[in-house]
């Protein structure tokens, strides 16, 4: 039977969640935390996702309604523009602002789907437009 030993500081740091990075390139004490939240970066990612969802929805609506190739090409370009707009909005307004934008996109999509004639949505939705 093997005997138990005390863990070295390095091992304690690793098992306590204080180890960060790839390989052995970066160590940080467990009390320092490795996963700090970057409000701007995460907000931009959420905002970009909101733009992507809005753009893809508009493309799908037009594709399913038999729109011309010119309109579909424009919709595809709009996806990229919506992603940029959403990312900028999220970076400026942080995580909470970006989540609000995302929820408003989903609400606009839901409203569109419940109407007799499903139409694309505007981005950003009017309730979250930047002033």
Protein backbone atom coordinates (compact mmCIF):
# COMPACT_ATOMS: atom_id res chain seq x y z
CA UNK A 1 0.00 0.00 0.00
CA UNK A 2 1.39 3.38 -0.96
CA UNK A 3 1.55 6.27 1.44
CA UNK A 4 -0.11 9.62 0.90
CA UNK A 5 2.03 12.70 0.57
CA UNK A 6 1.32 16.39 0.78
CA UNK A 7 0.80 18.07 -2.56
CA UNK A 8 3.40 20.54 -3.75
CA UNK A 9 2.32 24.18 -4.19
CA UNK A 10 2.24 23.71 -7.95
CA UNK A 11 -0.09 20.73 -7.62
CA UNK A 12 -2.35 22.53 -5.16
CA UNK A 13 -2.63 25.46 -7.53
CA UNK A 14 -3.55 23.15 -10.38
CA UNK A 15 -6.23 21.16 -8.57
CA UNK A 16 -7.77 24.24 -6.95
CA UNK A 17 -8.55 25.81 -10.30
CA UNK A 18 -5.72 28.31 -10.18
CA UNK A 19 -3.92 26.95 -13.21
CA UNK A 20 -4.33 28.85 -16.45
CA UNK A 21 -3.00 28.61 -19.94
CA UNK A 22 -1.80 25.85 -22.21
CA UNK A 23 0.91 23.50 -21.07
CA UNK A 24 2.96 24.98 -18.26
CA UNK A 25 3.14 28.42 -19.80
CA UNK A 26 1.11 30.35 -17.25
CA UNK A 27 0.36 29.84 -13.59
CA UNK A 28 -1.65 32.01 -11.31
CA UNK A 29 -2.49 31.55 -7.64
CA UNK A 30 -5.95 30.14 -7.04
CA UNK A 31 -7.07 33.31 -5.28
CA UNK A 32 -6.24 35.38 -8.37
CA UNK A 33 -8.76 33.65 -10.56
CA UNK A 34 -8.13 32.68 -14.14
CA UNK A 35 -11.41 33.35 -15.75
CA UNK A 36 -12.05 37.03 -15.28
CA UNK A 37 -14.96 38.29 -17.31
CA UNK A 38 -14.13 40.86 -19.95
CA UNK A 39 -17.39 42.83 -20.23
CA UNK A 40 -16.46 44.42 -23.56
CA UNK A 41 -15.23 41.26 -25.28
CA UNK A 42 -18.09 39.04 -24.16
CA UNK A 43 -20.61 41.80 -24.91
CA UNK A 44 -19.20 42.05 -28.43
CA UNK A 45 -19.48 38.29 -28.90
CA UNK A 46 -23.09 38.22 -27.72
CA UNK A 47 -23.94 41.24 -29.88
CA UNK A 48 -22.31 39.63 -32.91
CA UNK A 49 -24.36 36.49 -32.29
CA UNK A 50 -27.54 38.58 -32.15
CA UNK A 51 -26.63 40.13 -35.50
CA UNK A 52 -25.91 36.73 -36.98
CA UNK A 53 -29.26 35.33 -35.83
CA UNK A 54 -31.12 38.35 -37.26
CA UNK A 55 -29.29 38.12 -40.58
CA UNK A 56 -29.80 34.39 -40.98
CA UNK A 57 -33.49 34.76 -40.12
CA UNK A 58 -33.93 37.42 -42.80
CA UNK A 59 -32.10 35.25 -45.33
CA UNK A 60 -34.26 32.24 -44.47
CA UNK A 61 -37.48 34.23 -44.77
CA UNK A 62 -36.50 35.51 -48.21
CA UNK A 63 -35.20 32.13 -49.39
CA UNK A 64 -38.38 30.35 -48.33
CA UNK A 65 -40.54 32.98 -50.00
CA UNK A 66 -38.72 32.52 -53.33
CA UNK A 67 -36.87 35.83 -53.42
CA UNK A 68 -34.58 36.64 -56.32
CA UNK A 69 -30.87 35.89 -56.30
CA UNK A 70 -30.15 39.61 -55.97
CA UNK A 71 -32.16 39.86 -52.75
CA UNK A 72 -30.57 36.71 -51.35
CA UNK A 73 -27.11 38.04 -52.18
CA UNK A 74 -27.98 41.27 -50.39
CA UNK A 75 -29.23 39.25 -47.40
CA UNK A 76 -25.92 37.39 -47.24
CA UNK A 77 -24.02 40.70 -47.19
CA UNK A 78 -26.39 41.93 -44.49
CA UNK A 79 -25.40 39.01 -42.25
CA UNK A 80 -21.84 40.32 -42.15
CA UNK A 81 -23.02 43.88 -41.56
CA UNK A 82 -25.38 42.79 -38.78
CA UNK A 83 -22.55 40.89 -37.10
CA UNK A 84 -20.37 44.03 -37.16
CA UNK A 85 -23.20 46.24 -35.87
CA UNK A 86 -24.03 43.75 -33.13
CA UNK A 87 -20.40 43.42 -32.08
CA UNK A 88 -20.01 47.21 -31.88
CA UNK A 89 -23.24 47.51 -29.90
CA UNK A 90 -22.18 44.77 -27.50
CA UNK A 91 -18.72 46.25 -27.02
CA UNK A 92 -20.21 49.66 -26.23
CA UNK A 93 -23.01 48.39 -23.98
CA UNK A 94 -21.39 45.39 -22.33
CA UNK A 95 -22.86 42.02 -21.52
CA UNK A 96 -26.20 43.30 -20.21
CA UNK A 97 -26.75 45.54 -23.23
CA UNK A 98 -25.82 42.74 -25.61
CA UNK A 99 -28.14 40.30 -23.86
CA UNK A 100 -30.94 42.85 -24.15
CA UNK A 101 -30.18 43.18 -27.86
CA UNK A 102 -30.22 39.40 -28.28
CA UNK A 103 -33.54 39.10 -26.43
CA UNK A 104 -35.03 41.85 -28.59
CA UNK A 105 -33.90 40.03 -31.74
CA UNK A 106 -35.57 36.84 -30.52
CA UNK A 107 -38.71 38.79 -29.64
CA UNK A 108 -38.79 40.41 -33.09
CA UNK A 109 -38.38 37.00 -34.72
CA UNK A 110 -41.18 35.57 -32.59
CA UNK A 111 -43.46 38.47 -33.51
CA UNK A 112 -42.65 38.00 -37.19
CA UNK A 113 -43.37 34.27 -37.02
CA UNK A 114 -46.75 34.88 -35.41
CA UNK A 115 -47.92 37.34 -38.05
CA UNK A 116 -49.96 36.12 -41.04
CA UNK A 117 -47.19 37.12 -43.44
CA UNK A 118 -43.74 36.40 -42.04
CA UNK A 119 -41.37 39.23 -42.88
CA UNK A 120 -37.74 39.87 -42.08
CA UNK A 121 -36.76 41.95 -39.07
CA UNK A 122 -34.79 45.15 -38.77
CA UNK A 123 -31.47 45.10 -37.00
CA UNK A 124 -31.00 46.31 -34.42
CA UNK A 125 -34.65 46.07 -33.42
CA UNK A 126 -36.17 49.51 -32.75
CA UNK A 127 -36.22 49.09 -28.96
CA UNK A 128 -32.41 48.72 -28.81
CA UNK A 129 -31.33 51.16 -31.51
CA UNK A 130 -28.35 53.26 -30.61
CA UNK A 131 -29.03 56.93 -30.13
